[in-house]
Amino acid sequence: MTPGDTAPDFTAPTQSGEALTLSGLRGQPVVLYFYPKDDTPGCTQEAKDFTTEAKPFNAAGARVIGISKDSVAKHGKFIAKHDLGVTLVSDEATTICEDYGVWVEKNMYGRKYMGIERATFLINAEGQIAQIWRKVKVKGHVEAVLAAVNAL
């Protein structure tokens, strides 16, 4: 998947249990950020950083959506615990992660396992991928994404 490709469409439940369909958000930029797990240090910081910058993203007309394989209930608890201002989508079957190429083999201390690669996709108002960040480092990432949104 490369910039210019049409973003794979999906319908999946948010933290409130309602269905979100990506193609239903056409007409506005969408930031899809994939992260490994709710309530872990890096993932919590990333969600807090997107929450801190919610006003500038909203001012740019952009919708920010986090995706992991955590359940709807876990997403709800994660948002409540940290007062997060982002929409979280549950991808328990990892279908969306696979479509975006972020369900990958990981290696930690010699143990191989499948997991989500931290990655962000900026989708323009026409539904095309405008920019991709792979193997994201949390520090400074949200600012880079916001700059790209403002450059659309």
N, C-alpha and C. Protein backbone atom coordinates (compact mmCIF):
# COMPACT_ATOMS: atom_id res chain seq x y z
N MET A 1 0.84 -1.17 0.00
CA MET A 1 0.00 0.00 0.00
C MET A 1 0.89 1.25 0.00
N THR A 2 0.54 2.18 -0.88
CA THR A 2 1.36 3.38 -1.00
C THR A 2 0.46 4.61 -1.12
N PRO A 3 1.01 5.80 -0.86
CA PRO A 3 0.21 7.02 -1.04
C PRO A 3 -0.36 7.07 -2.46
N GLY A 4 -1.61 7.50 -2.54
CA GLY A 4 -2.32 7.53 -3.81
C GLY A 4 -3.31 6.38 -3.95
N ASP A 5 -3.07 5.27 -3.21
CA ASP A 5 -4.00 4.15 -3.22
C ASP A 5 -5.29 4.54 -2.51
N THR A 6 -6.38 3.92 -2.90
CA THR A 6 -7.64 4.11 -2.17
C THR A 6 -7.53 3.36 -0.85
N ALA A 7 -7.90 4.03 0.23
CA ALA A 7 -7.84 3.40 1.55
C ALA A 7 -8.85 2.26 1.63
N PRO A 8 -8.44 1.08 2.11
CA PRO A 8 -9.39 -0.02 2.26
C PRO A 8 -10.54 0.38 3.18
N ASP A 9 -11.75 0.16 2.70
CA ASP A 9 -12.94 0.52 3.49
C ASP A 9 -13.18 -0.53 4.57
N PHE A 10 -13.87 -0.14 5.62
CA PHE A 10 -14.23 -1.07 6.68
C PHE A 10 -15.42 -0.51 7.44
N THR A 11 -16.12 -1.40 8.11
CA THR A 11 -17.14 -1.03 9.08
C THR A 11 -16.81 -1.82 10.34
N ALA A 12 -16.67 -1.11 11.46
CA ALA A 12 -16.28 -1.77 12.71
C ALA A 12 -16.85 -0.98 13.88
N PRO A 13 -16.97 -1.63 15.05
CA PRO A 13 -17.54 -0.94 16.21
C PRO A 13 -16.54 -0.01 16.90
N THR A 14 -17.07 1.13 17.37
CA THR A 14 -16.27 2.06 18.16
C THR A 14 -16.43 1.71 19.64
N GLN A 15 -15.77 2.51 20.49
CA GLN A 15 -15.83 2.27 21.93
C GLN A 15 -17.25 2.32 22.48
N SER A 16 -18.15 3.00 21.79
CA SER A 16 -19.53 3.09 22.26
C SER A 16 -20.40 1.98 21.68
N GLY A 17 -19.81 1.14 20.81
CA GLY A 17 -20.55 0.03 20.23
C GLY A 17 -21.21 0.38 18.91
N GLU A 18 -21.20 1.65 18.52
CA GLU A 18 -21.82 1.99 17.23
C GLU A 18 -20.86 1.72 16.09
N ALA A 19 -21.43 1.39 14.94
CA ALA A 19 -20.61 1.04 13.77
C ALA A 19 -20.06 2.31 13.11
N LEU A 20 -18.79 2.26 12.75
CA LEU A 20 -18.15 3.34 12.01
C LEU A 20 -17.71 2.77 10.67
N THR A 21 -18.09 3.44 9.59
CA THR A 21 -17.70 3.02 8.24
C THR A 21 -16.78 4.08 7.68
N LEU A 22 -15.58 3.67 7.27
CA LEU A 22 -14.60 4.63 6.78
C LEU A 22 -15.13 5.43 5.60
N SER A 23 -15.75 4.78 4.62
CA SER A 23 -16.22 5.50 3.43
C SER A 23 -17.30 6.53 3.79
N GLY A 24 -17.94 6.36 4.94
CA GLY A 24 -18.94 7.33 5.39
C GLY A 24 -18.32 8.64 5.85
N LEU A 25 -16.99 8.67 5.97
CA LEU A 25 -16.29 9.88 6.41
C LEU A 25 -15.70 10.66 5.24
N ARG A 26 -16.00 10.23 4.00
CA ARG A 26 -15.49 10.95 2.82
C ARG A 26 -15.89 12.41 2.91
N GLY A 27 -15.03 13.26 2.37
CA GLY A 27 -15.30 14.70 2.42
C GLY A 27 -14.48 15.39 3.49
N GLN A 28 -13.80 14.59 4.31
CA GLN A 28 -12.93 15.15 5.35
C GLN A 28 -11.69 14.27 5.46
N PRO A 29 -10.55 14.85 5.88
CA PRO A 29 -9.37 14.01 6.10
C PRO A 29 -9.60 13.10 7.31
N VAL A 30 -9.01 11.91 7.25
CA VAL A 30 -9.10 10.95 8.35
C VAL A 30 -7.69 10.50 8.71
N VAL A 31 -7.40 10.51 10.00
CA VAL A 31 -6.14 9.98 10.51
C VAL A 31 -6.47 8.64 11.16
N LEU A 32 -5.96 7.54 10.57
CA LEU A 32 -6.11 6.21 11.16
C LEU A 32 -4.80 5.86 11.80
N TYR A 33 -4.81 5.71 13.13
CA TYR A 33 -3.56 5.27 13.76
C TYR A 33 -3.78 3.91 14.40
N PHE A 34 -2.90 3.00 14.04
CA PHE A 34 -2.94 1.62 14.55
C PHE A 34 -1.95 1.52 15.70
N TYR A 35 -2.37 0.88 16.78
CA TYR A 35 -1.51 0.75 17.95
C TYR A 35 -1.71 -0.62 18.58
N PRO A 36 -0.67 -1.14 19.27
CA PRO A 36 -0.74 -2.52 19.77
C PRO A 36 -1.78 -2.83 20.83
N LYS A 37 -1.91 -1.99 21.87
CA LYS A 37 -2.74 -2.43 23.01
C LYS A 37 -3.15 -1.25 23.90
N ASP A 38 -4.42 -1.25 24.30
CA ASP A 38 -4.91 -0.23 25.22
C ASP A 38 -4.14 -0.27 26.54
N ASP A 39 -3.97 0.91 27.12
CA ASP A 39 -3.45 1.06 28.48
C ASP A 39 -2.03 0.54 28.67
N THR A 40 -1.22 0.60 27.63
CA THR A 40 0.21 0.32 27.76
C THR A 40 0.92 1.67 27.59
N PRO A 41 2.14 1.82 28.08
CA PRO A 41 2.75 3.16 28.12
C PRO A 41 2.79 3.91 26.78
N GLY A 42 3.32 3.29 25.73
CA GLY A 42 3.42 3.99 24.45
C GLY A 42 2.07 4.29 23.84
N CYS A 43 1.17 3.33 23.93
CA CYS A 43 -0.17 3.50 23.35
C CYS A 43 -0.97 4.55 24.10
N THR A 44 -0.84 4.58 25.41
CA THR A 44 -1.52 5.59 26.21
C THR A 44 -0.99 6.98 25.87
N GLN A 45 0.33 7.11 25.75
CA GLN A 45 0.92 8.41 25.43
C GLN A 45 0.46 8.89 24.04
N GLU A 46 0.43 7.98 23.09
CA GLU A 46 0.00 8.36 21.74
C GLU A 46 -1.45 8.85 21.75
N ALA A 47 -2.33 8.13 22.44
CA ALA A 47 -3.74 8.53 22.52
C ALA A 47 -3.89 9.87 23.25
N LYS A 48 -3.09 10.07 24.31
CA LYS A 48 -3.13 11.36 25.03
C LYS A 48 -2.63 12.49 24.14
N ASP A 49 -1.58 12.24 23.34
CA ASP A 49 -1.05 13.26 22.44
C ASP A 49 -2.09 13.65 21.39
N PHE A 50 -2.80 12.66 20.82
CA PHE A 50 -3.85 12.98 19.85
C PHE A 50 -4.98 13.75 20.54
N THR A 51 -5.29 13.41 21.79
CA THR A 51 -6.33 14.12 22.54
C THR A 51 -5.92 15.57 22.79
N THR A 52 -4.66 15.78 23.18
CA THR A 52 -4.15 17.13 23.44
C THR A 52 -4.27 18.01 22.20
N GLU A 53 -4.06 17.42 21.03
CA GLU A 53 -4.11 18.19 19.77
C GLU A 53 -5.47 18.09 19.07
N ALA A 54 -6.51 17.69 19.80
CA ALA A 54 -7.84 17.50 19.18
C ALA A 54 -8.36 18.78 18.52
N LYS A 55 -8.18 19.92 19.18
CA LYS A 55 -8.70 21.17 18.62
C LYS A 55 -8.09 21.50 17.26
N PRO A 56 -6.74 21.46 17.12
CA PRO A 56 -6.17 21.73 15.79
C PRO A 56 -6.59 20.71 14.72
N PHE A 57 -6.74 19.44 15.11
CA PHE A 57 -7.22 18.44 14.13
C PHE A 57 -8.65 18.77 13.72
N ASN A 58 -9.50 19.11 14.71
CA ASN A 58 -10.89 19.48 14.41
C ASN A 58 -10.94 20.73 13.54
N ALA A 59 -10.08 21.71 13.83
CA ALA A 59 -10.04 22.96 13.05
C ALA A 59 -9.68 22.67 11.60
N ALA A 60 -8.87 21.63 11.38
CA ALA A 60 -8.47 21.25 10.02
C ALA A 60 -9.53 20.34 9.38
N GLY A 61 -10.59 20.04 10.13
CA GLY A 61 -11.66 19.20 9.61
C GLY A 61 -11.36 17.72 9.64
N ALA A 62 -10.29 17.33 10.34
CA ALA A 62 -9.85 15.94 10.33
C ALA A 62 -10.47 15.13 11.46
N ARG A 63 -10.73 13.87 11.17
CA ARG A 63 -11.23 12.92 12.17
C ARG A 63 -10.09 11.99 12.55
N VAL A 64 -9.84 11.82 13.85
CA VAL A 64 -8.76 10.95 14.33
C VAL A 64 -9.37 9.67 14.89
N ILE A 65 -8.90 8.52 14.38
CA ILE A 65 -9.44 7.23 14.78
C ILE A 65 -8.29 6.29 15.11
N GLY A 66 -8.31 5.74 16.32
CA GLY A 66 -7.32 4.75 16.74
C GLY A 66 -7.89 3.35 16.56
N ILE A 67 -7.04 2.42 16.14
CA ILE A 67 -7.49 1.04 15.90
C ILE A 67 -6.53 0.07 16.57
N SER A 68 -7.10 -0.85 17.36
CA SER A 68 -6.34 -1.97 17.90
C SER A 68 -7.28 -3.17 17.97
N LYS A 69 -6.76 -4.31 18.39
CA LYS A 69 -7.62 -5.49 18.47
C LYS A 69 -8.30 -5.63 19.83
N ASP A 70 -8.17 -4.59 20.67
CA ASP A 70 -8.88 -4.62 21.95
C ASP A 70 -10.39 -4.56 21.72
N SER A 71 -11.14 -5.08 22.67
CA SER A 71 -12.60 -5.13 22.57
C SER A 71 -13.22 -3.74 22.75
N VAL A 72 -14.47 -3.64 22.37
CA VAL A 72 -15.23 -2.40 22.56
C VAL A 72 -15.22 -2.00 24.04
N ALA A 73 -15.44 -3.00 24.92
CA ALA A 73 -15.47 -2.71 26.37
C ALA A 73 -14.12 -2.19 26.86
N LYS A 74 -13.01 -2.80 26.40
CA LYS A 74 -11.67 -2.32 26.82
C LYS A 74 -11.42 -0.91 26.31
N HIS A 75 -11.84 -0.64 25.08
CA HIS A 75 -11.70 0.72 24.53
C HIS A 75 -12.45 1.73 25.40
N GLY A 76 -13.66 1.37 25.79
CA GLY A 76 -14.47 2.27 26.63
C GLY A 76 -13.78 2.56 27.96
N LYS A 77 -13.23 1.54 28.58
CA LYS A 77 -12.53 1.71 29.86
C LYS A 77 -11.27 2.56 29.68
N PHE A 78 -10.54 2.32 28.58
CA PHE A 78 -9.31 3.06 28.28
C PHE A 78 -9.61 4.55 28.11
N ILE A 79 -10.67 4.86 27.38
CA ILE A 79 -11.06 6.26 27.17
C ILE A 79 -11.46 6.90 28.49
N ALA A 80 -12.27 6.20 29.27
CA ALA A 80 -12.73 6.75 30.55
C ALA A 80 -11.58 6.96 31.52
N LYS A 81 -10.67 6.01 31.61
CA LYS A 81 -9.55 6.08 32.55
C LYS A 81 -8.64 7.27 32.27
N HIS A 82 -8.40 7.54 30.96
CA HIS A 82 -7.44 8.60 30.60
C HIS A 82 -8.10 9.84 30.01
N ASP A 83 -9.45 9.90 30.05
CA ASP A 83 -10.20 11.05 29.53
C ASP A 83 -9.77 11.37 28.09
N LEU A 84 -9.78 10.36 27.25
CA LEU A 84 -9.31 10.50 25.87
C LEU A 84 -10.37 11.12 24.97
N GLY A 85 -9.93 11.91 24.02
CA GLY A 85 -10.82 12.58 23.08
C GLY A 85 -10.67 12.06 21.67
N VAL A 86 -10.44 10.77 21.51
CA VAL A 86 -10.31 10.16 20.19
C VAL A 86 -11.35 9.05 20.06
N THR A 87 -11.68 8.71 18.84
CA THR A 87 -12.55 7.56 18.57
C THR A 87 -11.66 6.34 18.46
N LEU A 88 -12.04 5.26 19.15
CA LEU A 88 -11.29 4.01 19.06
C LEU A 88 -12.16 2.94 18.42
N VAL A 89 -11.58 2.23 17.46
CA VAL A 89 -12.28 1.17 16.75
C VAL A 89 -11.70 -0.17 17.18
N SER A 90 -12.60 -1.13 17.39
CA SER A 90 -12.20 -2.48 17.78
C SER A 90 -12.07 -3.36 16.54
N ASP A 91 -10.90 -3.96 16.38
CA ASP A 91 -10.62 -4.86 15.25
C ASP A 91 -10.18 -6.22 15.82
N GLU A 92 -11.08 -6.84 16.58
CA GLU A 92 -10.72 -8.09 17.27
C GLU A 92 -10.31 -9.19 16.30
N ALA A 93 -10.88 -9.21 15.10
CA ALA A 93 -10.55 -10.24 14.11
C ALA A 93 -9.30 -9.88 13.30
N THR A 94 -8.75 -8.71 13.53
CA THR A 94 -7.56 -8.16 12.84
C THR A 94 -7.74 -8.00 11.33
N THR A 95 -8.98 -7.96 10.86
CA THR A 95 -9.25 -7.80 9.43
C THR A 95 -8.75 -6.46 8.91
N ILE A 96 -9.03 -5.38 9.65
CA ILE A 96 -8.60 -4.05 9.22
C ILE A 96 -7.08 -3.98 9.26
N CYS A 97 -6.50 -4.50 10.33
CA CYS A 97 -5.03 -4.50 10.46
C CYS A 97 -4.38 -5.24 9.29
N GLU A 98 -4.97 -6.35 8.89
CA GLU A 98 -4.43 -7.11 7.77
C GLU A 98 -4.57 -6.32 6.47
N ASP A 99 -5.73 -5.69 6.27
CA ASP A 99 -5.96 -4.90 5.05
C ASP A 99 -4.95 -3.76 4.92
N TYR A 100 -4.53 -3.19 6.05
CA TYR A 100 -3.58 -2.07 6.02
C TYR A 100 -2.13 -2.52 6.18
N GLY A 101 -1.91 -3.83 6.30
CA GLY A 101 -0.55 -4.36 6.36
C GLY A 101 0.17 -4.11 7.66
N VAL A 102 -0.58 -3.93 8.74
CA VAL A 102 0.06 -3.66 10.04
C VAL A 102 -0.01 -4.87 11.00
N TRP A 103 -0.64 -5.96 10.58
CA TRP A 103 -0.66 -7.20 11.37
C TRP A 103 0.58 -7.97 10.93
N VAL A 104 1.62 -7.91 11.74
CA VAL A 104 2.94 -8.40 11.32
C VAL A 104 3.54 -9.32 12.38
N GLU A 105 4.56 -10.07 11.94
CA GLU A 105 5.31 -10.89 12.88
C GLU A 105 6.26 -9.99 13.65
N LYS A 106 6.21 -10.11 14.95
CA LYS A 106 7.10 -9.33 15.82
C LYS A 106 8.06 -10.28 16.51
N ASN A 107 9.12 -9.73 17.05
CA ASN A 107 10.13 -10.55 17.71
C ASN A 107 10.57 -9.81 18.98
N MET A 108 10.28 -10.40 20.12
CA MET A 108 10.68 -9.78 21.39
C MET A 108 11.43 -10.82 22.21
N TYR A 109 12.67 -10.51 22.51
CA TYR A 109 13.52 -11.40 23.29
C TYR A 109 13.58 -12.80 22.68
N GLY A 110 13.65 -12.84 21.34
CA GLY A 110 13.75 -14.12 20.65
C GLY A 110 12.44 -14.85 20.45
N ARG A 111 11.36 -14.31 20.99
CA ARG A 111 10.04 -14.95 20.84
C ARG A 111 9.30 -14.27 19.69
N LYS A 112 8.90 -15.03 18.71
CA LYS A 112 8.16 -14.49 17.57
C LYS A 112 6.66 -14.62 17.83
N TYR A 113 5.92 -13.59 17.47
CA TYR A 113 4.47 -13.60 17.63
C TYR A 113 3.87 -12.59 16.67
N MET A 114 2.56 -12.71 16.43
CA MET A 114 1.87 -11.76 15.56
C MET A 114 1.34 -10.61 16.41
N GLY A 115 1.46 -9.39 15.87
CA GLY A 115 0.97 -8.23 16.59
C GLY A 115 0.81 -7.04 15.65
N ILE A 116 0.33 -5.96 16.21
CA ILE A 116 0.09 -4.75 15.42
C ILE A 116 1.34 -3.87 15.43
N GLU A 117 1.78 -3.51 14.22
CA GLU A 117 2.88 -2.55 14.07
C GLU A 117 2.27 -1.15 14.24
N ARG A 118 2.87 -0.35 15.11
CA ARG A 118 2.39 1.02 15.29
C ARG A 118 2.59 1.79 13.97
N ALA A 119 1.48 2.22 13.39
CA ALA A 119 1.53 2.89 12.09
C ALA A 119 0.36 3.87 12.00
N THR A 120 0.53 4.90 11.17
CA THR A 120 -0.52 5.89 10.97
C THR A 120 -0.71 6.12 9.47
N PHE A 121 -1.97 6.23 9.08
CA PHE A 121 -2.33 6.49 7.69
C PHE A 121 -3.16 7.77 7.64
N LEU A 122 -2.73 8.71 6.83
CA LEU A 122 -3.50 9.93 6.60
C LEU A 122 -4.27 9.73 5.31
N ILE A 123 -5.59 9.83 5.40
CA ILE A 123 -6.47 9.61 4.26
C ILE A 123 -7.10 10.95 3.90
N ASN A 124 -7.00 11.32 2.63
CA ASN A 124 -7.54 12.63 2.23
C ASN A 124 -9.06 12.57 2.07
N ALA A 125 -9.67 13.71 1.77
CA ALA A 125 -11.12 13.82 1.70
C ALA A 125 -11.73 12.95 0.60
N GLU A 126 -10.91 12.57 -0.38
CA GLU A 126 -11.39 11.72 -1.48
C GLU A 126 -11.25 10.23 -1.16
N GLY A 127 -10.72 9.91 0.01
CA GLY A 127 -10.59 8.50 0.41
C GLY A 127 -9.30 7.85 -0.04
N GLN A 128 -8.32 8.66 -0.46
CA GLN A 128 -7.03 8.12 -0.88
C GLN A 128 -6.01 8.31 0.24
N ILE A 129 -5.06 7.39 0.30
CA ILE A 129 -4.00 7.50 1.29
C ILE A 129 -3.06 8.62 0.86
N ALA A 130 -2.91 9.61 1.72
CA ALA A 130 -2.06 10.76 1.41
C ALA A 130 -0.65 10.55 1.96
N GLN A 131 -0.56 9.92 3.13
CA GLN A 131 0.75 9.70 3.75
C GLN A 131 0.68 8.51 4.69
N ILE A 132 1.82 7.81 4.85
CA ILE A 132 1.91 6.65 5.74
C ILE A 132 3.14 6.81 6.63
N TRP A 133 2.95 6.56 7.91
CA TRP A 133 4.07 6.49 8.85
C TRP A 133 4.08 5.06 9.39
N ARG A 134 5.20 4.36 9.23
CA ARG A 134 5.33 2.98 9.73
C ARG A 134 6.33 2.95 10.88
N LYS A 135 6.21 1.94 11.73
CA LYS A 135 7.11 1.77 12.88
C LYS A 135 7.26 3.10 13.63
N VAL A 136 6.12 3.66 13.98
CA VAL A 136 6.04 4.98 14.59
C VAL A 136 6.73 5.02 15.95
N LYS A 137 7.48 6.07 16.17
CA LYS A 137 7.98 6.43 17.51
C LYS A 137 7.02 7.49 18.02
N VAL A 138 6.51 7.32 19.22
CA VAL A 138 5.43 8.17 19.72
C VAL A 138 5.85 9.64 19.86
N LYS A 139 7.04 9.88 20.40
CA LYS A 139 7.47 11.25 20.67
C LYS A 139 7.54 12.06 19.36
N GLY A 140 6.77 13.15 19.31
CA GLY A 140 6.78 14.04 18.15
C GLY A 140 5.91 13.58 16.99
N HIS A 141 5.33 12.39 17.09
CA HIS A 141 4.57 11.84 15.97
C HIS A 141 3.29 12.64 15.68
N VAL A 142 2.53 12.95 16.71
CA VAL A 142 1.26 13.64 16.51
C VAL A 142 1.48 14.99 15.83
N GLU A 143 2.54 15.67 16.21
CA GLU A 143 2.85 16.98 15.59
C GLU A 143 3.13 16.80 14.10
N ALA A 144 3.85 15.72 13.74
CA ALA A 144 4.15 15.46 12.33
C ALA A 144 2.87 15.16 11.55
N VAL A 145 1.96 14.41 12.16
CA VAL A 145 0.69 14.08 11.50
C VAL A 145 -0.14 15.35 11.32
N LEU A 146 -0.19 16.19 12.35
CA LEU A 146 -0.96 17.43 12.27
C LEU A 146 -0.41 18.34 11.16
N ALA A 147 0.90 18.42 11.04
CA ALA A 147 1.52 19.23 9.98
C ALA A 147 1.10 18.69 8.60
N ALA A 148 1.06 17.36 8.45
CA ALA A 148 0.65 16.76 7.18
C ALA A 148 -0.83 17.02 6.89
N VAL A 149 -1.67 16.96 7.92
CA VAL A 149 -3.09 17.27 7.75
C VAL A 149 -3.25 18.72 7.27
N ASN A 150 -2.53 19.63 7.90
CA ASN A 150 -2.63 21.04 7.54
C ASN A 150 -2.08 21.32 6.15
N ALA A 151 -1.23 20.43 5.64
CA ALA A 151 -0.65 20.62 4.29
C ALA A 151 -1.55 20.05 3.19
N LEU A 152 -2.61 19.33 3.56
CA LEU A 152 -3.52 18.76 2.55
C LEU A 152 -4.23 19.84 1.78
